């Protein structure tokens, strides 16, 4: 049974008739970056090992040394149960295509017990119609205005999506939400303060408090946020009582900066 992750060891990258050894090396480097190990090359135009190794860099040389080389795509794909082709052109026999991300997700259950090949065509022409007839499905990498990607770039895009599909599903860490006891204490304090400053009618406070409760419920209030709101309520209560005690009619308003220490004592 699938655990929701793709098995990278079941997926091979197949380069059909690549023209430049540097692109083979760069593709190997992209594979190494994303944890993929099996590279197959079919009928390469120039299989210059030193040039491939130079582009692969030291870390990916092992992939170059283990490349499997075939003379025909049919022979190369013979051991695979599922074959995905890549195409920049659309229409005709290429009317049903998937994006790399969608295809990576589709391959999760398939790659559990089946070997999968991901086929890339030559740099100048891409896969032919004859080539894509050997494929079960096709991938198209969406671009803005210029559809043609470098071979190694296309390999990197697909390897990245496959690698992402190989990771355990990441669930965001849930913060500690306020408990019912903490919320009820906050609502009681809010009600008292809002009545005190005549924001809500003291004869029917529940009508307005229900609206305030619904507001906070939509945002899944955290415990720390409850503490902030209650602190604001305490400051409002302190300020209102201090104004009353000093006599607002005489213009003796409290200085909230100088008297802030009084709030902490209340």
C-alpha atoms as a PDB file:
ATOM      1  CA  UNK A   1       0.000   0.000   0.000  1.00  0.00           C
ATOM      2  CA  UNK A   2       1.330   3.458  -0.942  1.00  0.00           C
ATOM      3  CA  UNK A   3       2.455   5.725   1.902  1.00  0.00           C
ATOM      4  CA  UNK A   4       1.852   8.804  -0.246  1.00  0.00           C
ATOM      5  CA  UNK A   5       5.443   9.069  -1.520  1.00  0.00           C
ATOM      6  CA  UNK A   6       7.003   8.166  -4.825  1.00  0.00           C
ATOM      7  CA  UNK A   7       9.881   5.662  -4.909  1.00  0.00           C
ATOM      8  CA  UNK A   8      12.727   7.362  -6.738  1.00  0.00           C
ATOM      9  CA  UNK A   9      14.649   4.102  -7.104  1.00  0.00           C
ATOM     10  CA  UNK A  10      11.883   2.897  -9.428  1.00  0.00           C
ATOM     11  CA  UNK A  11      12.243   5.835 -11.833  1.00  0.00           C
ATOM     12  CA  UNK A  12      14.862   6.146 -14.597  1.00  0.00           C
ATOM     13  CA  UNK A  13      15.699   9.145 -16.771  1.00  0.00           C
ATOM     14  CA  UNK A  14      16.001   8.236 -20.461  1.00  0.00           C
ATOM     15  CA  UNK A  15      17.667  10.608 -22.936  1.00  0.00           C
ATOM     16  CA  UNK A  16      16.707   9.810 -26.506  1.00  0.00           C
ATOM     17  CA  UNK A  17      19.386  10.740 -29.069  1.00  0.00           C
ATOM     18  CA  UNK A  18      21.004  13.587 -27.083  1.00  0.00           C
ATOM     19  CA  UNK A  19      23.288  15.722 -29.232  1.00  0.00           C
ATOM     20  CA  UNK A  20      25.666  17.273 -26.721  1.00  0.00           C
ATOM     21  CA  UNK A  21      27.678  15.446 -24.053  1.00  0.00           C
ATOM     22  CA  UNK A  22      27.524  18.531 -21.839  1.00  0.00           C
ATOM     23  CA  UNK A  23      23.749  18.157 -21.608  1.00  0.00           C
ATOM     24  CA  UNK A  24      24.138  14.535 -20.568  1.00  0.00           C
ATOM     25  CA  UNK A  25      26.529  15.591 -17.822  1.00  0.00           C
ATOM     26  CA  UNK A  26      24.272  18.429 -16.681  1.00  0.00           C
ATOM     27  CA  UNK A  27      21.288  16.054 -16.608  1.00  0.00           C
ATOM     28  CA  UNK A  28      23.289  13.669 -14.419  1.00  0.00           C
ATOM     29  CA  UNK A  29      24.090  16.528 -12.062  1.00  0.00           C
ATOM     30  CA  UNK A  30      20.395  17.466 -11.838  1.00  0.00           C
ATOM     31  CA  UNK A  31      19.537  13.862 -11.054  1.00  0.00           C
ATOM     32  CA  UNK A  32      22.166  13.710  -8.331  1.00  0.00           C
ATOM     33  CA  UNK A  33      20.789  16.911  -6.793  1.00  0.00           C
ATOM     34  CA  UNK A  34      17.340  15.337  -6.543  1.00  0.00           C
ATOM     35  CA  UNK A  35      18.331  11.866  -5.386  1.00  0.00           C
ATOM     36  CA  UNK A  36      17.864   9.946  -8.640  1.00  0.00           C
ATOM     37  CA  UNK A  37      20.449   7.434  -9.803  1.00  0.00           C
ATOM     38  CA  UNK A  38      19.508   5.625 -13.014  1.00  0.00           C
ATOM     39  CA  UNK A  39      20.399   7.356 -16.285  1.00  0.00           C
ATOM     40  CA  UNK A  40      19.841   5.752 -19.686  1.00  0.00           C
ATOM     41  CA  UNK A  41      21.127   7.210 -22.956  1.00  0.00           C
ATOM     42  CA  UNK A  42      19.782   6.080 -26.336  1.00  0.00           C
ATOM     43  CA  UNK A  43      21.837   6.459 -29.503  1.00  0.00           C
ATOM     44  CA  UNK A  44      23.802   9.562 -28.418  1.00  0.00           C
ATOM     45  CA  UNK A  45      25.261  11.710 -31.162  1.00  0.00           C
ATOM     46  CA  UNK A  46      28.474  12.353 -29.224  1.00  0.00           C
ATOM     47  CA  UNK A  47      29.281  10.195 -26.200  1.00  0.00           C
ATOM     48  CA  UNK A  48      32.334  12.145 -25.021  1.00  0.00           C
ATOM     49  CA  UNK A  49      32.942  10.866 -21.496  1.00  0.00           C
ATOM     50  CA  UNK A  50      35.379  13.601 -20.288  1.00  0.00           C
ATOM     51  CA  UNK A  51      33.011  16.364 -21.412  1.00  0.00           C
ATOM     52  CA  UNK A  52      30.112  14.670 -19.668  1.00  0.00           C
ATOM     53  CA  UNK A  53      32.111  14.242 -16.469  1.00  0.00           C
ATOM     54  CA  UNK A  54      33.164  17.882 -16.503  1.00  0.00           C
ATOM     55  CA  UNK A  55      29.530  19.082 -16.555  1.00  0.00           C
ATOM     56  CA  UNK A  56      28.399  16.464 -14.064  1.00  0.00           C
ATOM     57  CA  UNK A  57      30.981  17.697 -11.529  1.00  0.00           C
ATOM     58  CA  UNK A  58      32.744  15.389  -9.096  1.00  0.00           C
ATOM     59  CA  UNK A  59      29.617  14.538  -7.092  1.00  0.00           C
ATOM     60  CA  UNK A  60      27.692  13.147 -10.089  1.00  0.00           C
ATOM     61  CA  UNK A  61      30.560  11.345 -11.834  1.00  0.00           C
ATOM     62  CA  UNK A  62      29.289   8.039 -10.442  1.00  0.00           C
ATOM     63  CA  UNK A  63      26.068   8.466 -12.440  1.00  0.00           C
ATOM     64  CA  UNK A  64      28.082   9.053 -15.618  1.00  0.00           C
ATOM     65  CA  UNK A  65      30.117   5.913 -14.971  1.00  0.00           C
ATOM     66  CA  UNK A  66      26.938   3.857 -14.563  1.00  0.00           C
ATOM     67  CA  UNK A  67      25.086   5.154 -17.650  1.00  0.00           C
ATOM     68  CA  UNK A  68      23.345   2.452 -19.665  1.00  0.00           C
ATOM     69  CA  UNK A  69      23.618   3.002 -23.429  1.00  0.00           C
ATOM     70  CA  UNK A  70      21.178   1.551 -25.984  1.00  0.00           C
ATOM     71  CA  UNK A  71      20.898   1.868 -29.731  1.00  0.00           C
ATOM     72  CA  UNK A  72      17.098   1.949 -29.875  1.00  0.00           C
ATOM     73  CA  UNK A  73      14.443   3.458 -27.646  1.00  0.00           C
ATOM     74  CA  UNK A  74      12.313   0.329 -27.887  1.00  0.00           C
ATOM     75  CA  UNK A  75      15.144  -1.780 -26.442  1.00  0.00           C
ATOM     76  CA  UNK A  76      15.861   0.771 -23.727  1.00  0.00           C
ATOM     77  CA  UNK A  77      12.227   0.799 -22.595  1.00  0.00           C
ATOM     78  CA  UNK A  78      11.685  -2.944 -22.709  1.00  0.00           C
ATOM     79  CA  UNK A  79      12.100  -3.566 -18.931  1.00  0.00           C
ATOM     80  CA  UNK A  80       9.769  -0.723 -17.883  1.00  0.00           C
ATOM     81  CA  UNK A  81       6.136  -1.148 -17.016  1.00  0.00           C
ATOM     82  CA  UNK A  82       5.253   2.536 -17.344  1.00  0.00           C
ATOM     83  CA  UNK A  83       6.732   5.127 -19.712  1.00  0.00           C
ATOM     84  CA  UNK A  84       6.252   8.896 -19.591  1.00  0.00           C
ATOM     85  CA  UNK A  85       7.287  11.086 -22.498  1.00  0.00           C
ATOM     86  CA  UNK A  86       8.034  14.811 -22.427  1.00  0.00           C
ATOM     87  CA  UNK A  87       6.888  17.194 -25.138  1.00  0.00           C
ATOM     88  CA  UNK A  88       7.067  20.922 -25.835  1.00  0.00           C
ATOM     89  CA  UNK A  89       4.672  20.634 -28.783  1.00  0.00           C
ATOM     90  CA  UNK A  90       0.957  20.108 -28.302  1.00  0.00           C
ATOM     91  CA  UNK A  91      -1.884  18.940 -30.520  1.00  0.00           C
ATOM     92  CA  UNK A  92      -2.282  15.955 -32.817  1.00  0.00           C
ATOM     93  CA  UNK A  93      -1.178  12.824 -30.999  1.00  0.00           C
ATOM     94  CA  UNK A  94      -0.112  15.042 -28.090  1.00  0.00           C
ATOM     95  CA  UNK A  95      -3.575  16.177 -27.043  1.00  0.00           C
ATOM     96  CA  UNK A  96      -3.564  14.655 -23.538  1.00  0.00           C
ATOM     97  CA  UNK A  97      -0.670  15.939 -21.430  1.00  0.00           C
ATOM     98  CA  UNK A  98      -0.047  16.534 -17.740  1.00  0.00           C
ATOM     99  CA  UNK A  99       2.010  19.043 -15.829  1.00  0.00           C
ATOM    100  CA  UNK A 100       5.142  17.757 -14.027  1.00  0.00           C
ATOM    101  CA  UNK A 101       3.549  18.173 -10.591  1.00  0.00           C
ATOM    102  CA  UNK A 102       0.362  16.342 -11.501  1.00  0.00           C
ATOM    103  CA  UNK A 103       2.323  13.568 -13.168  1.00  0.00           C
ATOM    104  CA  UNK A 104       4.586  13.160 -10.141  1.00  0.00           C
ATOM    105  CA  UNK A 105       1.509  12.664  -7.967  1.00  0.00           C
ATOM    106  CA  UNK A 106       0.006  10.196 -10.462  1.00  0.00           C
ATOM    107  CA  UNK A 107       3.195   8.140 -10.357  1.00  0.00           C
ATOM    108  CA  UNK A 108       3.129   7.640  -6.578  1.00  0.00           C
ATOM    109  CA  UNK A 109       0.984   4.460  -6.622  1.00  0.00           C
ATOM    110  CA  UNK A 110       2.376   3.277  -9.969  1.00  0.00           C
ATOM    111  CA  UNK A 111       6.033   3.387  -8.893  1.00  0.00           C
ATOM    112  CA  UNK A 112       5.396   1.284  -5.811  1.00  0.00           C
ATOM    113  CA  UNK A 113       5.618  -1.958  -7.816  1.00  0.00           C
ATOM    114  CA  UNK A 114       6.444  -0.833 -11.345  1.00  0.00           C
ATOM    115  CA  UNK A 115       9.567   0.460 -13.040  1.00  0.00           C
ATOM    116  CA  UNK A 116       8.960   3.890 -14.575  1.00  0.00           C
ATOM    117  CA  UNK A 117      10.889   5.563 -17.403  1.00  0.00           C
ATOM    118  CA  UNK A 118      10.833   9.296 -18.029  1.00  0.00           C
ATOM    119  CA  UNK A 119      11.871   9.987 -21.639  1.00  0.00           C
ATOM    120  CA  UNK A 120      13.359  13.225 -23.003  1.00  0.00           C
ATOM    121  CA  UNK A 121      13.882  13.824 -26.712  1.00  0.00           C
ATOM    122  CA  UNK A 122      16.850  15.355 -28.554  1.00  0.00           C
ATOM    123  CA  UNK A 123      17.583  19.033 -28.007  1.00  0.00           C
ATOM    124  CA  UNK A 124      16.630  20.245 -31.496  1.00  0.00           C
ATOM    125  CA  UNK A 125      13.442  18.280 -32.244  1.00  0.00           C
ATOM    126  CA  UNK A 126      12.154  16.562 -29.123  1.00  0.00           C
ATOM    127  CA  UNK A 127      10.424  13.214 -29.243  1.00  0.00           C
ATOM    128  CA  UNK A 128       8.953  12.118 -32.574  1.00  0.00           C
ATOM    129  CA  UNK A 129       5.431  10.752 -32.977  1.00  0.00           C
ATOM    130  CA  UNK A 130       6.971   7.299 -33.249  1.00  0.00           C
ATOM    131  CA  UNK A 131       8.742   7.857 -29.943  1.00  0.00           C
ATOM    132  CA  UNK A 132       5.624   8.985 -28.088  1.00  0.00           C
ATOM    133  CA  UNK A 133       3.709   5.925 -29.239  1.00  0.00           C
ATOM    134  CA  UNK A 134       5.960   3.989 -26.874  1.00  0.00           C
ATOM    135  CA  UNK A 135       4.761   6.177 -23.981  1.00  0.00           C
ATOM    136  CA  UNK A 136       1.757   5.635 -21.760  1.00  0.00           C
ATOM    137  CA  UNK A 137       1.356   9.338 -20.994  1.00  0.00           C
ATOM    138  CA  UNK A 138       2.947  12.686 -21.808  1.00  0.00           C
ATOM    139  CA  UNK A 139       4.250  15.621 -19.775  1.00  0.00           C
ATOM    140  CA  UNK A 140       4.364  19.241 -20.869  1.00  0.00           C
ATOM    141  CA  UNK A 141       6.348  21.762 -18.830  1.00  0.00           C
ATOM    142  CA  UNK A 142       4.400  25.045 -18.873  1.00  0.00           C
ATOM    143  CA  UNK A 143       6.412  28.127 -19.811  1.00  0.00           C
ATOM    144  CA  UNK A 144       5.644  31.805 -20.429  1.00  0.00           C
ATOM    145  CA  UNK A 145       6.443  32.924 -23.986  1.00  0.00           C
ATOM    146  CA  UNK A 146       9.379  30.729 -24.993  1.00  0.00           C
ATOM    147  CA  UNK A 147       8.442  27.059 -24.834  1.00  0.00           C
ATOM    148  CA  UNK A 148      11.814  25.471 -25.615  1.00  0.00           C
ATOM    149  CA  UNK A 149      13.835  24.413 -22.568  1.00  0.00           C
ATOM    150  CA  UNK A 150      17.417  23.206 -22.472  1.00  0.00           C
ATOM    151  CA  UNK A 151      17.494  19.430 -22.048  1.00  0.00           C
ATOM    152  CA  UNK A 152      19.184  19.568 -18.649  1.00  0.00           C
ATOM    153  CA  UNK A 153      16.716  22.233 -17.490  1.00  0.00           C
ATOM    154  CA  UNK A 154      13.778  20.027 -18.412  1.00  0.00           C
ATOM    155  CA  UNK A 155      15.372  17.102 -16.586  1.00  0.00           C
ATOM    156  CA  UNK A 156      15.865  19.262 -13.501  1.00  0.00           C
ATOM    157  CA  UNK A 157      12.219  20.399 -13.483  1.00  0.00           C
ATOM    158  CA  UNK A 158      10.968  16.830 -13.603  1.00  0.00           C
ATOM    159  CA  UNK A 159      13.507  15.495 -11.106  1.00  0.00           C
ATOM    160  CA  UNK A 160      12.567  18.294  -8.706  1.00  0.00           C
ATOM    161  CA  UNK A 161       8.862  17.424  -8.866  1.00  0.00           C
ATOM    162  CA  UNK A 162       9.627  13.732  -8.404  1.00  0.00           C
ATOM    163  CA  UNK A 163      11.856  14.534  -5.443  1.00  0.00           C
ATOM    164  CA  UNK A 164       9.117  16.649  -3.873  1.00  0.00           C
ATOM    165  CA  UNK A 165       6.717  13.740  -4.335  1.00  0.00           C
ATOM    166  CA  UNK A 166       9.215  11.489  -2.526  1.00  0.00           C
ATOM    167  CA  UNK A 167       9.184  13.542   0.664  1.00  0.00           C
ATOM    168  CA  UNK A 168       6.895  12.766   3.598  1.00  0.00           C
ATOM    169  CA  UNK A 169       3.866  14.994   3.535  1.00  0.00           C
ATOM    170  CA  UNK A 170       4.689  18.043   5.617  1.00  0.00           C
ATOM    171  CA  UNK A 171       1.972  19.165   7.963  1.00  0.00           C
ATOM    172  CA  UNK A 172       2.275  22.666   9.416  1.00  0.00           C
ATOM    173  CA  UNK A 173       2.893  22.800  13.140  1.00  0.00           C
ATOM    174  CA  UNK A 174      -0.360  23.633  14.850  1.00  0.00           C
ATOM    175  CA  UNK A 175      -0.037  26.335  17.500  1.00  0.00           C
ATOM    176  CA  UNK A 176      -1.624  25.869  20.909  1.00  0.00           C
ATOM    177  CA  UNK A 177      -5.114  27.293  20.607  1.00  0.00           C
ATOM    178  CA  UNK A 178      -6.787  28.964  23.537  1.00  0.00           C
ATOM    179  CA  UNK A 179      -8.675  26.610  25.836  1.00  0.00           C
ATOM    180  CA  UNK A 180     -12.343  26.998  26.513  1.00  0.00           C
ATOM    181  CA  UNK A 181     -11.506  28.315  29.974  1.00  0.00           C
ATOM    182  CA  UNK A 182      -9.129  30.929  28.516  1.00  0.00           C
ATOM    183  CA  UNK A 183     -11.656  32.025  25.887  1.00  0.00           C
ATOM    184  CA  UNK A 184     -14.499  32.329  28.392  1.00  0.00           C
ATOM    185  CA  UNK A 185     -12.292  34.446  30.662  1.00  0.00           C
ATOM    186  CA  UNK A 186     -11.434  36.702  27.716  1.00  0.00           C
ATOM    187  CA  UNK A 187     -15.072  37.085  26.672  1.00  0.00           C
ATOM    188  CA  UNK A 188     -16.147  37.912  30.232  1.00  0.00           C
ATOM    189  CA  UNK A 189     -13.431  40.543  30.490  1.00  0.00           C
ATOM    190  CA  UNK A 190     -14.295  41.993  27.072  1.00  0.00           C
ATOM    191  CA  UNK A 191     -17.968  42.179  28.004  1.00  0.00           C
ATOM    192  CA  UNK A 192     -17.242  44.014  31.243  1.00  0.00           C
ATOM    193  CA  UNK A 193     -14.937  46.535  29.574  1.00  0.00           C
ATOM    194  CA  UNK A 194     -17.260  47.167  26.622  1.00  0.00           C
ATOM    195  CA  UNK A 195     -20.164  47.757  28.989  1.00  0.00           C
ATOM    196  CA  UNK A 196     -17.991  50.060  31.088  1.00  0.00           C
ATOM    197  CA  UNK A 197     -17.092  52.260  28.108  1.00  0.00           C
ATOM    198  CA  UNK A 198     -20.711  52.129  26.827  1.00  0.00           C
ATOM    199  CA  UNK A 199     -19.839  50.304  23.637  1.00  0.00           C
ATOM    200  CA  UNK A 200     -22.539  47.676  24.207  1.00  0.00           C
ATOM    201  CA  UNK A 201     -25.900  47.891  25.932  1.00  0.00           C
ATOM    202  CA  UNK A 202     -25.606  46.656  29.536  1.00  0.00           C
ATOM    203  CA  UNK A 203     -29.222  45.427  29.405  1.00  0.00           C
ATOM    204  CA  UNK A 204     -28.528  43.031  26.516  1.00  0.00           C
ATOM    205  CA  UNK A 205     -24.757  42.425  26.299  1.00  0.00           C
ATOM    206  CA  UNK A 206     -25.086  38.884  24.933  1.00  0.00           C
ATOM    207  CA  UNK A 207     -26.440  40.144  21.588  1.00  0.00           C
ATOM    208  CA  UNK A 208     -23.195  41.982  20.803  1.00  0.00           C
ATOM    209  CA  UNK A 209     -20.987  39.442  22.513  1.00  0.00           C
ATOM    210  CA  UNK A 210     -22.299  36.707  20.196  1.00  0.00           C
ATOM    211  CA  UNK A 211     -21.031  38.721  17.230  1.00  0.00           C
ATOM    212  CA  UNK A 212     -17.667  39.172  18.895  1.00  0.00           C
ATOM    213  CA  UNK A 213     -17.490  35.450  19.680  1.00  0.00           C
ATOM    214  CA  UNK A 214     -18.168  34.575  16.033  1.00  0.00           C
ATOM    215  CA  UNK A 215     -15.476  37.024  14.939  1.00  0.00           C
ATOM    216  CA  UNK A 216     -12.809  35.425  17.111  1.00  0.00           C
ATOM    217  CA  UNK A 217     -13.948  31.873  16.296  1.00  0.00           C
ATOM    218  CA  UNK A 218     -13.219  32.441  12.589  1.00  0.00           C
ATOM    219  CA  UNK A 219      -9.557  33.091  13.396  1.00  0.00           C
ATOM    220  CA  UNK A 220      -8.849  30.198  15.794  1.00  0.00           C
ATOM    221  CA  UNK A 221      -7.476  32.376  18.551  1.00  0.00           C
ATOM    222  CA  UNK A 222      -4.210  31.227  20.103  1.00  0.00           C
ATOM    223  CA  UNK A 223      -3.440  31.195  23.795  1.00  0.00           C
ATOM    224  CA  UNK A 224      -0.875  33.974  23.437  1.00  0.00           C
ATOM    225  CA  UNK A 225      -3.365  36.157  21.581  1.00  0.00           C
ATOM    226  CA  UNK A 226      -5.907  35.745  24.384  1.00  0.00           C
ATOM    227  CA  UNK A 227      -3.244  37.045  26.770  1.00  0.00           C
ATOM    228  CA  UNK A 228      -2.700  40.128  24.576  1.00  0.00           C
ATOM    229  CA  UNK A 229      -6.416  40.899  24.355  1.00  0.00           C
ATOM    230  CA  UNK A 230      -6.868  40.523  28.101  1.00  0.00           C
ATOM    231  CA  UNK A 231      -3.903  42.812  28.667  1.00  0.00           C
ATOM    232  CA  UNK A 232      -5.549  45.464  26.461  1.00  0.00           C
ATOM    233  CA  UNK A 233      -8.761  45.086  28.446  1.00  0.00           C
ATOM    234  CA  UNK A 234      -6.878  45.577  31.705  1.00  0.00           C
ATOM    235  CA  UNK A 235      -5.256  48.731  30.343  1.00  0.00           C
ATOM    236  CA  UNK A 236      -8.628  50.131  29.217  1.00  0.00           C
ATOM    237  CA  UNK A 237     -10.134  49.314  32.605  1.00  0.00           C
ATOM    238  CA  UNK A 238      -7.220  50.951  34.422  1.00  0.00           C
ATOM    239  CA  UNK A 239      -7.379  54.063  32.288  1.00  0.00           C
ATOM    240  CA  UNK A 240     -11.147  54.427  32.692  1.00  0.00           C
ATOM    241  CA  UNK A 241     -11.009  54.037  36.480  1.00  0.00           C
ATOM    242  CA  UNK A 242      -8.042  56.396  36.765  1.00  0.00           C
ATOM    243  CA  UNK A 243      -9.865  59.042  34.749  1.00  0.00           C
ATOM    244  CA  UNK A 244     -12.874  58.674  36.977  1.00  0.00           C
ATOM    245  CA  UNK A 245     -10.830  58.860  40.187  1.00  0.00           C
ATOM    246  CA  UNK A 246      -8.894  61.969  39.147  1.00  0.00           C
ATOM    247  CA  UNK A 247     -11.948  63.701  37.783  1.00  0.00           C
ATOM    248  CA  UNK A 248     -12.221  64.048  34.038  1.00  0.00           C
ATOM    249  CA  UNK A 249     -14.201  67.275  34.489  1.00  0.00           C
ATOM    250  CA  UNK A 250     -11.116  68.947  35.933  1.00  0.00           C
ATOM    251  CA  UNK A 251      -8.967  67.915  32.965  1.00  0.00           C
ATOM    252  CA  UNK A 252      -6.711  65.709  35.033  1.00  0.00           C
ATOM    253  CA  UNK A 253      -6.167  62.894  32.534  1.00  0.00           C
ATOM    254  CA  UNK A 254      -3.653  60.203  33.424  1.00  0.00           C
ATOM    255  CA  UNK A 255      -0.324  59.951  31.662  1.00  0.00           C
ATOM    256  CA  UNK A 256      -0.335  56.386  30.331  1.00  0.00           C
ATOM    257  CA  UNK A 257       3.474  56.343  29.967  1.00  0.00           C
ATOM    258  CA  UNK A 258       4.291  57.580  33.446  1.00  0.00           C
ATOM    259  CA  UNK A 259       1.512  55.607  35.091  1.00  0.00           C
ATOM    260  CA  UNK A 260       2.030  52.368  33.166  1.00  0.00           C
ATOM    261  CA  UNK A 261       3.413  50.784  36.272  1.00  0.00           C
ATOM    262  CA  UNK A 262       0.028  51.295  37.932  1.00  0.00           C
ATOM    263  CA  UNK A 263      -1.579  48.949  35.388  1.00  0.00           C
ATOM    264  CA  UNK A 264       0.706  46.103  36.410  1.00  0.00           C
ATOM    265  CA  UNK A 265      -0.335  46.570  40.041  1.00  0.00           C
ATOM    266  CA  UNK A 266      -4.067  46.329  39.294  1.00  0.00           C
END
